[in-house]
């Protein structure tokens, strides 16, 4: 499992996740702090990474592009410190590993996890 942490998430969480055995980079570590969301999606797709973000725009971009990858974990819990974020992502990976590997848009809320398979297109 490989992660790409978006801006807005604690930079130090990447090191904590690496220490836990998850191949993780933060956009701030690779000069993408000000990159457009579409560019971050392209980078994650090319490297086989899952995007973790606070930003709803990633799910929108996946839907508009009828994308089948990358998987995106949107976190709807504000002000998580690095250790809490790392623990949360480790839990999501453990619970949703198959869905993440197959391509999903996952939303993590305080009391639930919503999983939508990619592509995000309306049923016809």
PDB file of N, CA and C in Angstrom:
ATOM      1  N   UNK A   1       0.849  -1.167   0.000  1.00  0.00           N
ATOM      2  CA  UNK A   1       0.000   0.000   0.000  1.00  0.00           C
ATOM      3  C   UNK A   1       0.901   1.238   0.000  1.00  0.00           C
ATOM      4  N   UNK A   2       0.593   2.178  -0.900  1.00  0.00           N
ATOM      5  CA  UNK A   2       1.379   3.397  -1.028  1.00  0.00           C
ATOM      6  C   UNK A   2       0.441   4.600  -0.944  1.00  0.00           C
ATOM      7  N   UNK A   3       0.821   5.584  -0.128  1.00  0.00           N
ATOM      8  CA  UNK A   3      -0.011   6.762   0.084  1.00  0.00           C
ATOM      9  C   UNK A   3       0.680   8.033  -0.378  1.00  0.00           C
ATOM     10  N   UNK A   4      -0.141   8.995  -0.792  1.00  0.00           N
ATOM     11  CA  UNK A   4       0.299  10.355  -1.074  1.00  0.00           C
ATOM     12  C   UNK A   4      -0.588  11.270  -0.235  1.00  0.00           C
ATOM     13  N   UNK A   5       0.001  11.948   0.754  1.00  0.00           N
ATOM     14  CA  UNK A   5      -0.748  12.837   1.630  1.00  0.00           C
ATOM     15  C   UNK A   5      -0.801  14.231   1.026  1.00  0.00           C
ATOM     16  N   UNK A   6      -1.998  14.783   0.973  1.00  0.00           N
ATOM     17  CA  UNK A   6      -2.230  16.091   0.399  1.00  0.00           C
ATOM     18  C   UNK A   6      -1.879  17.199   1.403  1.00  0.00           C
ATOM     19  N   UNK A   7      -1.732  18.405   0.855  1.00  0.00           N
ATOM     20  CA  UNK A   7      -1.513  19.590   1.678  1.00  0.00           C
ATOM     21  C   UNK A   7      -2.680  19.725   2.648  1.00  0.00           C
ATOM     22  N   UNK A   8      -2.433  20.202   3.821  1.00  0.00           N
ATOM     23  CA  UNK A   8      -3.480  20.316   4.829  1.00  0.00           C
ATOM     24  C   UNK A   8      -3.418  19.190   5.845  1.00  0.00           C
ATOM     25  N   UNK A   9      -2.780  18.088   5.465  1.00  0.00           N
ATOM     26  CA  UNK A   9      -2.543  16.995   6.409  1.00  0.00           C
ATOM     27  C   UNK A   9      -1.145  17.179   6.991  1.00  0.00           C
ATOM     28  N   UNK A  10      -0.937  16.793   8.241  1.00  0.00           N
ATOM     29  CA  UNK A  10       0.368  17.015   8.877  1.00  0.00           C
ATOM     30  C   UNK A  10       1.506  16.312   8.130  1.00  0.00           C
ATOM     31  N   UNK A  11       2.521  17.071   7.803  1.00  0.00           N
ATOM     32  CA  UNK A  11       3.691  16.534   7.112  1.00  0.00           C
ATOM     33  C   UNK A  11       4.335  15.399   7.906  1.00  0.00           C
ATOM     34  N   UNK A  12       4.384  15.546   9.221  1.00  0.00           N
ATOM     35  CA  UNK A  12       5.037  14.526  10.048  1.00  0.00           C
ATOM     36  C   UNK A  12       4.284  13.194  10.064  1.00  0.00           C
ATOM     37  N   UNK A  13       3.031  13.190   9.629  1.00  0.00           N
ATOM     38  CA  UNK A  13       2.273  11.935   9.550  1.00  0.00           C
ATOM     39  C   UNK A  13       2.896  10.991   8.528  1.00  0.00           C
ATOM     40  N   UNK A  14       3.523  11.536   7.493  1.00  0.00           N
ATOM     41  CA  UNK A  14       4.153  10.681   6.480  1.00  0.00           C
ATOM     42  C   UNK A  14       5.251   9.827   7.110  1.00  0.00           C
ATOM     43  N   UNK A  15       6.067  10.421   7.960  1.00  0.00           N
ATOM     44  CA  UNK A  15       7.130   9.664   8.626  1.00  0.00           C
ATOM     45  C   UNK A  15       6.553   8.611   9.564  1.00  0.00           C
ATOM     46  N   UNK A  16       5.492   8.955  10.281  1.00  0.00           N
ATOM     47  CA  UNK A  16       4.857   7.987  11.176  1.00  0.00           C
ATOM     48  C   UNK A  16       4.306   6.791  10.394  1.00  0.00           C
ATOM     49  N   UNK A  17       3.704   7.058   9.247  1.00  0.00           N
ATOM     50  CA  UNK A  17       3.180   5.972   8.417  1.00  0.00           C
ATOM     51  C   UNK A  17       4.307   5.130   7.832  1.00  0.00           C
ATOM     52  N   UNK A  18       5.392   5.779   7.435  1.00  0.00           N
ATOM     53  CA  UNK A  18       6.553   5.012   6.942  1.00  0.00           C
ATOM     54  C   UNK A  18       7.088   4.113   8.048  1.00  0.00           C
ATOM     55  N   UNK A  19       7.160   4.635   9.269  1.00  0.00           N
ATOM     56  CA  UNK A  19       7.622   3.828  10.408  1.00  0.00           C
ATOM     57  C   UNK A  19       6.720   2.625  10.645  1.00  0.00           C
ATOM     58  N   UNK A  20       5.428   2.760  10.271  1.00  0.00           N
ATOM     59  CA  UNK A  20       4.459   1.663  10.428  1.00  0.00           C
ATOM     60  C   UNK A  20       4.472   0.715   9.230  1.00  0.00           C
ATOM     61  N   UNK A  21       5.372   0.972   8.266  1.00  0.00           N
ATOM     62  CA  UNK A  21       5.511   0.071   7.124  1.00  0.00           C
ATOM     63  C   UNK A  21       4.707   0.448   5.897  1.00  0.00           C
ATOM     64  N   UNK A  22       4.129   1.665   5.879  1.00  0.00           N
ATOM     65  CA  UNK A  22       3.347   2.119   4.724  1.00  0.00           C
ATOM     66  C   UNK A  22       4.209   3.097   3.917  1.00  0.00           C
ATOM     67  N   UNK A  23       4.412   2.807   2.646  1.00  0.00           N
ATOM     68  CA  UNK A  23       5.169   3.675   1.744  1.00  0.00           C
ATOM     69  C   UNK A  23       4.369   4.966   1.561  1.00  0.00           C
ATOM     70  N   UNK A  24       4.806   6.043   2.208  1.00  0.00           N
ATOM     71  CA  UNK A  24       4.037   7.290   2.241  1.00  0.00           C
ATOM     72  C   UNK A  24       4.914   8.476   1.913  1.00  0.00           C
ATOM     73  N   UNK A  25       4.383   9.373   1.078  1.00  0.00           N
ATOM     74  CA  UNK A  25       5.019  10.665   0.833  1.00  0.00           C
ATOM     75  C   UNK A  25       3.967  11.752   1.021  1.00  0.00           C
ATOM     76  N   UNK A  26       4.419  12.919   1.394  1.00  0.00           N
ATOM     77  CA  UNK A  26       3.561  14.095   1.553  1.00  0.00           C
ATOM     78  C   UNK A  26       3.897  15.043   0.410  1.00  0.00           C
ATOM     79  N   UNK A  27       2.878  15.724  -0.127  1.00  0.00           N
ATOM     80  CA  UNK A  27       3.131  16.638  -1.240  1.00  0.00           C
ATOM     81  C   UNK A  27       4.214  17.650  -0.897  1.00  0.00           C
ATOM     82  N   UNK A  28       4.336  18.023   0.368  1.00  0.00           N
ATOM     83  CA  UNK A  28       5.368  18.968   0.795  1.00  0.00           C
ATOM     84  C   UNK A  28       6.778  18.416   0.701  1.00  0.00           C
ATOM     85  N   UNK A  29       6.911  17.096   0.675  1.00  0.00           N
ATOM     86  CA  UNK A  29       8.236  16.467   0.578  1.00  0.00           C
ATOM     87  C   UNK A  29       8.722  16.367  -0.863  1.00  0.00           C
ATOM     88  N   UNK A  30       7.802  16.541  -1.816  1.00  0.00           N
ATOM     89  CA  UNK A  30       8.166  16.339  -3.227  1.00  0.00           C
ATOM     90  C   UNK A  30       7.909  17.589  -4.076  1.00  0.00           C
ATOM     91  N   UNK A  31       7.842  18.749  -3.406  1.00  0.00           N
ATOM     92  CA  UNK A  31       7.688  20.009  -4.125  1.00  0.00           C
ATOM     93  C   UNK A  31       6.331  20.211  -4.767  1.00  0.00           C
ATOM     94  N   UNK A  32       5.287  19.579  -4.222  1.00  0.00           N
ATOM     95  CA  UNK A  32       3.949  19.711  -4.803  1.00  0.00           C
ATOM     96  C   UNK A  32       2.974  20.402  -3.851  1.00  0.00           C
ATOM     97  N   UNK A  33       3.483  21.196  -2.932  1.00  0.00           N
ATOM     98  CA  UNK A  33       2.620  21.860  -1.944  1.00  0.00           C
ATOM     99  C   UNK A  33       1.568  22.750  -2.580  1.00  0.00           C
ATOM    100  N   UNK A  34       1.895  23.336  -3.714  1.00  0.00           N
ATOM    101  CA  UNK A  34       0.959  24.234  -4.388  1.00  0.00           C
ATOM    102  C   UNK A  34       0.424  23.646  -5.681  1.00  0.00           C
ATOM    103  N   UNK A  35       0.567  22.342  -5.862  1.00  0.00           N
ATOM    104  CA  UNK A  35       0.118  21.685  -7.093  1.00  0.00           C
ATOM    105  C   UNK A  35      -1.406  21.651  -7.165  1.00  0.00           C
ATOM    106  N   UNK A  36      -1.900  21.696  -8.382  1.00  0.00           N
ATOM    107  CA  UNK A  36      -3.343  21.543  -8.615  1.00  0.00           C
ATOM    108  C   UNK A  36      -3.749  20.117  -8.265  1.00  0.00           C
ATOM    109  N   UNK A  37      -5.006  19.959  -7.874  1.00  0.00           N
ATOM    110  CA  UNK A  37      -5.505  18.634  -7.499  1.00  0.00           C
ATOM    111  C   UNK A  37      -5.346  17.626  -8.638  1.00  0.00           C
ATOM    112  N   UNK A  38      -5.606  18.055  -9.863  1.00  0.00           N
ATOM    113  CA  UNK A  38      -5.482  17.149 -11.011  1.00  0.00           C
ATOM    114  C   UNK A  38      -4.048  16.644 -11.166  1.00  0.00           C
ATOM    115  N   UNK A  39      -3.082  17.506 -10.878  1.00  0.00           N
ATOM    116  CA  UNK A  39      -1.673  17.111 -10.957  1.00  0.00           C
ATOM    117  C   UNK A  39      -1.342  16.079  -9.872  1.00  0.00           C
ATOM    118  N   UNK A  40      -1.903  16.263  -8.682  1.00  0.00           N
ATOM    119  CA  UNK A  40      -1.689  15.310  -7.590  1.00  0.00           C
ATOM    120  C   UNK A  40      -2.306  13.958  -7.947  1.00  0.00           C
ATOM    121  N   UNK A  41      -3.487  13.987  -8.555  1.00  0.00           N
ATOM    122  CA  UNK A  41      -4.126  12.739  -9.004  1.00  0.00           C
ATOM    123  C   UNK A  41      -3.247  12.032 -10.031  1.00  0.00           C
ATOM    124  N   UNK A  42      -2.723  12.780 -11.002  1.00  0.00           N
ATOM    125  CA  UNK A  42      -1.843  12.167 -12.018  1.00  0.00           C
ATOM    126  C   UNK A  42      -0.612  11.541 -11.378  1.00  0.00           C
ATOM    127  N   UNK A  43      -0.016  12.240 -10.431  1.00  0.00           N
ATOM    128  CA  UNK A  43       1.180  11.721  -9.755  1.00  0.00           C
ATOM    129  C   UNK A  43       0.846  10.440  -9.002  1.00  0.00           C
ATOM    130  N   UNK A  44      -0.252  10.452  -8.250  1.00  0.00           N
ATOM    131  CA  UNK A  44      -0.661   9.266  -7.490  1.00  0.00           C
ATOM    132  C   UNK A  44      -0.933   8.097  -8.441  1.00  0.00           C
ATOM    133  N   UNK A  45      -1.630   8.352  -9.525  1.00  0.00           N
ATOM    134  CA  UNK A  45      -1.938   7.298 -10.494  1.00  0.00           C
ATOM    135  C   UNK A  45      -0.659   6.709 -11.079  1.00  0.00           C
ATOM    136  N   UNK A  46       0.280   7.564 -11.455  1.00  0.00           N
ATOM    137  CA  UNK A  46       1.506   7.076 -12.093  1.00  0.00           C
ATOM    138  C   UNK A  46       2.383   6.277 -11.140  1.00  0.00           C
ATOM    139  N   UNK A  47       2.273   6.560  -9.831  1.00  0.00           N
ATOM    140  CA  UNK A  47       3.090   5.857  -8.844  1.00  0.00           C
ATOM    141  C   UNK A  47       2.317   4.777  -8.089  1.00  0.00           C
ATOM    142  N   UNK A  48       1.044   4.573  -8.455  1.00  0.00           N
ATOM    143  CA  UNK A  48       0.237   3.561  -7.781  1.00  0.00           C
ATOM    144  C   UNK A  48      -0.040   3.908  -6.326  1.00  0.00           C
ATOM    145  N   UNK A  49      -0.252   5.196  -6.060  1.00  0.00           N
ATOM    146  CA  UNK A  49      -0.497   5.658  -4.693  1.00  0.00           C
ATOM    147  C   UNK A  49      -1.967   5.980  -4.475  1.00  0.00           C
ATOM    148  N   UNK A  50      -2.373   5.931  -3.231  1.00  0.00           N
ATOM    149  CA  UNK A  50      -3.698   6.338  -2.791  1.00  0.00           C
ATOM    150  C   UNK A  50      -3.564   7.739  -2.229  1.00  0.00           C
ATOM    151  N   UNK A  51      -4.450   8.643  -2.639  1.00  0.00           N
ATOM    152  CA  UNK A  51      -4.418  10.007  -2.131  1.00  0.00           C
ATOM    153  C   UNK A  51      -5.215  10.071  -0.830  1.00  0.00           C
ATOM    154  N   UNK A  52      -4.632  10.685   0.193  1.00  0.00           N
ATOM    155  CA  UNK A  52      -5.344  11.002   1.433  1.00  0.00           C
ATOM    156  C   UNK A  52      -5.452  12.520   1.504  1.00  0.00           C
ATOM    157  N   UNK A  53      -6.663  13.031   1.714  1.00  0.00           N
ATOM    158  CA  UNK A  53      -6.904  14.462   1.623  1.00  0.00           C
ATOM    159  C   UNK A  53      -8.049  14.906   2.519  1.00  0.00           C
ATOM    160  N   UNK A  54      -8.127  16.197   2.757  1.00  0.00           N
ATOM    161  CA  UNK A  54      -9.284  16.813   3.410  1.00  0.00           C
ATOM    162  C   UNK A  54     -10.227  17.410   2.363  1.00  0.00           C
ATOM    163  N   UNK A  55      -9.797  17.430   1.128  1.00  0.00           N
ATOM    164  CA  UNK A  55     -10.419  18.176   0.032  1.00  0.00           C
ATOM    165  C   UNK A  55     -11.452  17.342  -0.734  1.00  0.00           C
ATOM    166  N   UNK A  56     -12.692  17.829  -0.796  1.00  0.00           N
ATOM    167  CA  UNK A  56     -13.762  17.144  -1.535  1.00  0.00           C
ATOM    168  C   UNK A  56     -13.546  17.186  -3.043  1.00  0.00           C
ATOM    169  N   UNK A  57     -12.726  18.113  -3.519  1.00  0.00           N
ATOM    170  CA  UNK A  57     -12.519  18.248  -4.961  1.00  0.00           C
ATOM    171  C   UNK A  57     -11.943  16.992  -5.608  1.00  0.00           C
ATOM    172  N   UNK A  58     -11.205  16.199  -4.869  1.00  0.00           N
ATOM    173  CA  UNK A  58     -10.612  14.995  -5.455  1.00  0.00           C
ATOM    174  C   UNK A  58     -11.702  14.018  -5.899  1.00  0.00           C
ATOM    175  N   UNK A  59     -12.732  13.827  -5.079  1.00  0.00           N
ATOM    176  CA  UNK A  59     -13.829  12.940  -5.464  1.00  0.00           C
ATOM    177  C   UNK A  59     -14.552  13.501  -6.682  1.00  0.00           C
ATOM    178  N   UNK A  60     -14.718  14.818  -6.730  1.00  0.00           N
ATOM    179  CA  UNK A  60     -15.365  15.459  -7.876  1.00  0.00           C
ATOM    180  C   UNK A  60     -14.561  15.233  -9.148  1.00  0.00           C
ATOM    181  N   UNK A  61     -13.253  15.412  -9.082  1.00  0.00           N
ATOM    182  CA  UNK A  61     -12.406  15.199 -10.254  1.00  0.00           C
ATOM    183  C   UNK A  61     -12.460  13.746 -10.727  1.00  0.00           C
ATOM    184  N   UNK A  62     -12.479  12.804  -9.787  1.00  0.00           N
ATOM    185  CA  UNK A  62     -12.597  11.394 -10.168  1.00  0.00           C
ATOM    186  C   UNK A  62     -13.916  11.149 -10.895  1.00  0.00           C
ATOM    187  N   UNK A  63     -14.996  11.735 -10.390  1.00  0.00           N
ATOM    188  CA  UNK A  63     -16.313  11.547 -11.003  1.00  0.00           C
ATOM    189  C   UNK A  63     -16.369  12.162 -12.389  1.00  0.00           C
ATOM    190  N   UNK A  64     -15.898  13.401 -12.520  1.00  0.00           N
ATOM    191  CA  UNK A  64     -15.943  14.085 -13.817  1.00  0.00           C
ATOM    192  C   UNK A  64     -15.123  13.366 -14.875  1.00  0.00           C
ATOM    193  N   UNK A  65     -14.000  12.768 -14.440  1.00  0.00           N
ATOM    194  CA  UNK A  65     -13.140  12.062 -15.376  1.00  0.00           C
ATOM    195  C   UNK A  65     -13.494  10.595 -15.533  1.00  0.00           C
ATOM    196  N   UNK A  66     -14.553  10.147 -14.841  1.00  0.00           N
ATOM    197  CA  UNK A  66     -14.939   8.733 -14.845  1.00  0.00           C
ATOM    198  C   UNK A  66     -13.726   7.843 -14.593  1.00  0.00           C
ATOM    199  N   UNK A  67     -12.870   8.288 -13.676  1.00  0.00           N
ATOM    200  CA  UNK A  67     -11.596   7.622 -13.390  1.00  0.00           C
ATOM    201  C   UNK A  67     -11.806   6.319 -12.623  1.00  0.00           C
ATOM    202  N   UNK A  68     -10.924   5.382 -12.887  1.00  0.00           N
ATOM    203  CA  UNK A  68     -10.917   4.119 -12.152  1.00  0.00           C
ATOM    204  C   UNK A  68      -9.764   4.065 -11.154  1.00  0.00           C
ATOM    205  N   UNK A  69      -8.925   5.094 -11.172  1.00  0.00           N
ATOM    206  CA  UNK A  69      -7.821   5.219 -10.221  1.00  0.00           C
ATOM    207  C   UNK A  69      -7.397   6.678 -10.197  1.00  0.00           C
ATOM    208  N   UNK A  70      -6.713   7.108  -9.168  1.00  0.00           N
ATOM    209  CA  UNK A  70      -6.320   6.384  -7.978  1.00  0.00           C
ATOM    210  C   UNK A  70      -7.454   6.371  -6.959  1.00  0.00           C
ATOM    211  N   UNK A  71      -7.341   5.506  -5.980  1.00  0.00           N
ATOM    212  CA  UNK A  71      -8.257   5.565  -4.853  1.00  0.00           C
ATOM    213  C   UNK A  71      -7.954   6.833  -4.064  1.00  0.00           C
ATOM    214  N   UNK A  72      -9.007   7.391  -3.465  1.00  0.00           N
ATOM    215  CA  UNK A  72      -8.863   8.605  -2.665  1.00  0.00           C
ATOM    216  C   UNK A  72      -9.562   8.393  -1.329  1.00  0.00           C
ATOM    217  N   UNK A  73      -8.861   8.736  -0.259  1.00  0.00           N
ATOM    218  CA  UNK A  73      -9.438   8.730   1.083  1.00  0.00           C
ATOM    219  C   UNK A  73      -9.640  10.188   1.483  1.00  0.00           C
ATOM    220  N   UNK A  74     -10.901  10.595   1.564  1.00  0.00           N
ATOM    221  CA  UNK A  74     -11.204  11.957   2.011  1.00  0.00           C
ATOM    222  C   UNK A  74     -11.532  11.911   3.496  1.00  0.00           C
ATOM    223  N   UNK A  75     -10.815  12.687   4.260  1.00  0.00           N
ATOM    224  CA  UNK A  75     -10.997  12.714   5.714  1.00  0.00           C
ATOM    225  C   UNK A  75     -11.840  13.928   6.073  1.00  0.00           C
ATOM    226  N   UNK A  76     -12.979  13.675   6.698  1.00  0.00           N
ATOM    227  CA  UNK A  76     -13.877  14.752   7.121  1.00  0.00           C
ATOM    228  C   UNK A  76     -13.848  14.909   8.633  1.00  0.00           C
ATOM    229  N   UNK A  77     -12.646  14.876   9.166  1.00  0.00           N
ATOM    230  CA  UNK A  77     -12.426  15.099  10.597  1.00  0.00           C
ATOM    231  C   UNK A  77     -11.360  16.186  10.672  1.00  0.00           C
ATOM    232  N   UNK A  78     -11.717  17.297  11.239  1.00  0.00           N
ATOM    233  CA  UNK A  78     -10.822  18.455  11.260  1.00  0.00           C
ATOM    234  C   UNK A  78      -9.775  18.363  12.363  1.00  0.00           C
ATOM    235  N   UNK A  79      -8.656  19.034  12.121  1.00  0.00           N
ATOM    236  CA  UNK A  79      -7.601  19.260  13.103  1.00  0.00           C
ATOM    237  C   UNK A  79      -7.000  17.994  13.717  1.00  0.00           C
ATOM    238  N   UNK A  80      -6.828  16.978  12.909  1.00  0.00           N
ATOM    239  CA  UNK A  80      -6.160  15.773  13.411  1.00  0.00           C
ATOM    240  C   UNK A  80      -4.667  16.038  13.513  1.00  0.00           C
ATOM    241  N   UNK A  81      -4.093  15.662  14.612  1.00  0.00           N
ATOM    242  CA  UNK A  81      -2.635  15.737  14.756  1.00  0.00           C
ATOM    243  C   UNK A  81      -2.020  14.544  14.036  1.00  0.00           C
ATOM    244  N   UNK A  82      -0.724  14.602  13.835  1.00  0.00           N
ATOM    245  CA  UNK A  82      -0.030  13.603  13.024  1.00  0.00           C
ATOM    246  C   UNK A  82      -0.279  12.170  13.480  1.00  0.00           C
ATOM    247  N   UNK A  83      -0.140  11.902  14.777  1.00  0.00           N
ATOM    248  CA  UNK A  83      -0.313  10.526  15.257  1.00  0.00           C
ATOM    249  C   UNK A  83      -1.755  10.058  15.083  1.00  0.00           C
ATOM    250  N   UNK A  84      -2.717  10.921  15.372  1.00  0.00           N
ATOM    251  CA  UNK A  84      -4.129  10.557  15.203  1.00  0.00           C
ATOM    252  C   UNK A  84      -4.446  10.291  13.738  1.00  0.00           C
ATOM    253  N   UNK A  85      -3.881  11.101  12.832  1.00  0.00           N
ATOM    254  CA  UNK A  85      -4.087  10.883  11.399  1.00  0.00           C
ATOM    255  C   UNK A  85      -3.469   9.560  10.964  1.00  0.00           C
ATOM    256  N   UNK A  86      -2.240   9.298  11.388  1.00  0.00           N
ATOM    257  CA  UNK A  86      -1.579   8.043  11.031  1.00  0.00           C
ATOM    258  C   UNK A  86      -2.386   6.852  11.532  1.00  0.00           C
ATOM    259  N   UNK A  87      -2.854   6.919  12.767  1.00  0.00           N
ATOM    260  CA  UNK A  87      -3.662   5.819  13.321  1.00  0.00           C
ATOM    261  C   UNK A  87      -4.954   5.643  12.530  1.00  0.00           C
ATOM    262  N   UNK A  88      -5.591   6.750  12.175  1.00  0.00           N
ATOM    263  CA  UNK A  88      -6.830   6.695  11.406  1.00  0.00           C
ATOM    264  C   UNK A  88      -6.594   6.059  10.038  1.00  0.00           C
ATOM    265  N   UNK A  89      -5.548   6.488   9.354  1.00  0.00           N
ATOM    266  CA  UNK A  89      -5.263   5.930   8.029  1.00  0.00           C
ATOM    267  C   UNK A  89      -4.902   4.451   8.107  1.00  0.00           C
ATOM    268  N   UNK A  90      -4.180   4.052   9.128  1.00  0.00           N
ATOM    269  CA  UNK A  90      -3.866   2.628   9.299  1.00  0.00           C
ATOM    270  C   UNK A  90      -5.148   1.815   9.506  1.00  0.00           C
ATOM    271  N   UNK A  91      -6.090   2.352  10.248  1.00  0.00           N
ATOM    272  CA  UNK A  91      -7.368   1.669  10.459  1.00  0.00           C
ATOM    273  C   UNK A  91      -8.158   1.575   9.158  1.00  0.00           C
ATOM    274  N   UNK A  92      -8.197   2.657   8.394  1.00  0.00           N
ATOM    275  CA  UNK A  92      -8.931   2.657   7.122  1.00  0.00           C
ATOM    276  C   UNK A  92      -8.301   1.656   6.158  1.00  0.00           C
ATOM    277  N   UNK A  93      -6.988   1.638   6.081  1.00  0.00           N
ATOM    278  CA  UNK A  93      -6.302   0.683   5.202  1.00  0.00           C
ATOM    279  C   UNK A  93      -6.631  -0.748   5.607  1.00  0.00           C
ATOM    280  N   UNK A  94      -6.617  -1.026   6.892  1.00  0.00           N
ATOM    281  CA  UNK A  94      -6.915  -2.381   7.370  1.00  0.00           C
ATOM    282  C   UNK A  94      -8.355  -2.779   7.043  1.00  0.00           C
ATOM    283  N   UNK A  95      -9.300  -1.853   7.224  1.00  0.00           N
ATOM    284  CA  UNK A  95     -10.715  -2.172   6.995  1.00  0.00           C
ATOM    285  C   UNK A  95     -11.101  -2.173   5.525  1.00  0.00           C
ATOM    286  N   UNK A  96     -10.399  -1.394   4.714  1.00  0.00           N
ATOM    287  CA  UNK A  96     -10.830  -1.158   3.329  1.00  0.00           C
ATOM    288  C   UNK A  96      -9.761  -1.549   2.309  1.00  0.00           C
ATOM    289  N   UNK A  97      -8.854  -2.434   2.671  1.00  0.00           N
ATOM    290  CA  UNK A  97      -7.728  -2.748   1.798  1.00  0.00           C
ATOM    291  C   UNK A  97      -8.177  -3.204   0.405  1.00  0.00           C
ATOM    292  N   UNK A  98      -9.113  -4.129   0.357  1.00  0.00           N
ATOM    293  CA  UNK A  98      -9.562  -4.650  -0.940  1.00  0.00           C
ATOM    294  C   UNK A  98     -10.175  -3.547  -1.796  1.00  0.00           C
ATOM    295  N   UNK A  99     -11.022  -2.724  -1.208  1.00  0.00           N
ATOM    296  CA  UNK A  99     -11.658  -1.639  -1.944  1.00  0.00           C
ATOM    297  C   UNK A  99     -10.626  -0.632  -2.438  1.00  0.00           C
ATOM    298  N   UNK A 100      -9.633  -0.318  -1.607  1.00  0.00           N
ATOM    299  CA  UNK A 100      -8.581   0.608  -2.013  1.00  0.00           C
ATOM    300  C   UNK A 100      -7.773   0.045  -3.176  1.00  0.00           C
ATOM    301  N   UNK A 101      -7.485  -1.238  -3.136  1.00  0.00           N
ATOM    302  CA  UNK A 101      -6.717  -1.867  -4.208  1.00  0.00           C
ATOM    303  C   UNK A 101      -7.504  -1.894  -5.512  1.00  0.00           C
ATOM    304  N   UNK A 102      -8.824  -2.002  -5.438  1.00  0.00           N
ATOM    305  CA  UNK A 102      -9.657  -2.103  -6.637  1.00  0.00           C
ATOM    306  C   UNK A 102     -10.077  -0.749  -7.189  1.00  0.00           C
ATOM    307  N   UNK A 103      -9.890   0.314  -6.435  1.00  0.00           N
ATOM    308  CA  UNK A 103     -10.257   1.655  -6.875  1.00  0.00           C
ATOM    309  C   UNK A 103     -11.528   2.128  -6.212  1.00  0.00           C
ATOM    310  N   UNK A 104     -11.402   3.016  -5.232  1.00  0.00           N
ATOM    311  CA  UNK A 104     -12.559   3.505  -4.490  1.00  0.00           C
ATOM    312  C   UNK A 104     -12.353   4.942  -4.043  1.00  0.00           C
ATOM    313  N   UNK A 105     -13.492   5.597  -3.844  1.00  0.00           N
ATOM    314  CA  UNK A 105     -13.522   6.911  -3.209  1.00  0.00           C
ATOM    315  C   UNK A 105     -14.086   6.678  -1.818  1.00  0.00           C
ATOM    316  N   UNK A 106     -13.266   6.887  -0.824  1.00  0.00           N
ATOM    317  CA  UNK A 106     -13.646   6.600   0.555  1.00  0.00           C
ATOM    318  C   UNK A 106     -13.737   7.913   1.315  1.00  0.00           C
ATOM    319  N   UNK A 107     -14.819   8.060   2.062  1.00  0.00           N
ATOM    320  CA  UNK A 107     -15.006   9.237   2.912  1.00  0.00           C
ATOM    321  C   UNK A 107     -15.021   8.772   4.364  1.00  0.00           C
ATOM    322  N   UNK A 108     -14.136   9.357   5.160  1.00  0.00           N
ATOM    323  CA  UNK A 108     -14.029   8.999   6.576  1.00  0.00           C
ATOM    324  C   UNK A 108     -14.628  10.140   7.392  1.00  0.00           C
ATOM    325  N   UNK A 109     -15.693   9.795   8.123  1.00  0.00           N
ATOM    326  CA  UNK A 109     -16.361  10.749   8.995  1.00  0.00           C
ATOM    327  C   UNK A 109     -16.164  10.295  10.437  1.00  0.00           C
ATOM    328  N   UNK A 110     -16.512  11.132  11.411  1.00  0.00           N
ATOM    329  CA  UNK A 110     -16.260  10.741  12.801  1.00  0.00           C
ATOM    330  C   UNK A 110     -16.877   9.401  13.208  1.00  0.00           C
ATOM    331  N   UNK A 111     -18.033   9.054  12.658  1.00  0.00           N
ATOM    332  CA  UNK A 111     -18.703   7.831  13.101  1.00  0.00           C
ATOM    333  C   UNK A 111     -18.935   6.805  12.004  1.00  0.00           C
ATOM    334  N   UNK A 112     -18.423   7.068  10.804  1.00  0.00           N
ATOM    335  CA  UNK A 112     -18.623   6.083   9.735  1.00  0.00           C
ATOM    336  C   UNK A 112     -17.612   6.266   8.612  1.00  0.00           C
ATOM    337  N   UNK A 113     -17.527   5.210   7.805  1.00  0.00           N
ATOM    338  CA  UNK A 113     -16.703   5.216   6.599  1.00  0.00           C
ATOM    339  C   UNK A 113     -17.623   4.890   5.430  1.00  0.00           C
ATOM    340  N   UNK A 114     -17.649   5.758   4.424  1.00  0.00           N
ATOM    341  CA  UNK A 114     -18.436   5.502   3.215  1.00  0.00           C
ATOM    342  C   UNK A 114     -17.501   5.109   2.094  1.00  0.00           C
ATOM    343  N   UNK A 115     -17.873   4.063   1.376  1.00  0.00           N
ATOM    344  CA  UNK A 115     -17.040   3.548   0.285  1.00  0.00           C
ATOM    345  C   UNK A 115     -17.849   3.565  -1.002  1.00  0.00           C
ATOM    346  N   UNK A 116     -17.279   4.177  -2.022  1.00  0.00           N
ATOM    347  CA  UNK A 116     -17.891   4.168  -3.355  1.00  0.00           C
ATOM    348  C   UNK A 116     -16.857   3.667  -4.344  1.00  0.00           C
ATOM    349  N   UNK A 117     -17.221   2.655  -5.104  1.00  0.00           N
ATOM    350  CA  UNK A 117     -16.302   2.080  -6.092  1.00  0.00           C
ATOM    351  C   UNK A 117     -16.138   3.023  -7.280  1.00  0.00           C
ATOM    352  N   UNK A 118     -14.946   3.012  -7.834  1.00  0.00           N
ATOM    353  CA  UNK A 118     -14.668   3.802  -9.045  1.00  0.00           C
ATOM    354  C   UNK A 118     -15.004   2.937 -10.265  1.00  0.00           C
ATOM    355  N   UNK A 119     -15.439   3.542 -11.349  1.00  0.00           N
ATOM    356  CA  UNK A 119     -15.665   4.979 -11.561  1.00  0.00           C
ATOM    357  C   UNK A 119     -16.940   5.456 -10.891  1.00  0.00           C
ATOM    358  N   UNK A 120     -16.931   6.743 -10.536  1.00  0.00           N
ATOM    359  CA  UNK A 120     -18.084   7.371  -9.894  1.00  0.00           C
ATOM    360  C   UNK A 120     -18.990   7.948 -10.977  1.00  0.00           C
ATOM    361  N   UNK A 121     -19.788   7.103 -11.569  1.00  0.00           N
ATOM    362  CA  UNK A 121     -20.719   7.549 -12.620  1.00  0.00           C
ATOM    363  C   UNK A 121     -22.127   7.151 -12.225  1.00  0.00           C
ATOM    364  N   UNK A 122     -23.105   7.953 -12.620  1.00  0.00           N
ATOM    365  CA  UNK A 122     -24.479   7.606 -12.267  1.00  0.00           C
ATOM    366  C   UNK A 122     -24.929   6.348 -13.000  1.00  0.00           C
ATOM    367  N   UNK A 123     -25.768   5.565 -12.335  1.00  0.00           N
ATOM    368  CA  UNK A 123     -26.356   4.399 -12.983  1.00  0.00           C
ATOM    369  C   UNK A 123     -27.342   4.861 -14.045  1.00  0.00           C
ATOM    370  N   UNK A 124     -27.282   4.229 -15.201  1.00  0.00           N
ATOM    371  CA  UNK A 124     -28.178   4.608 -16.306  1.00  0.00           C
ATOM    372  C   UNK A 124     -29.213   3.530 -16.500  1.00  0.00           C
TER     373      UNK A 124
END
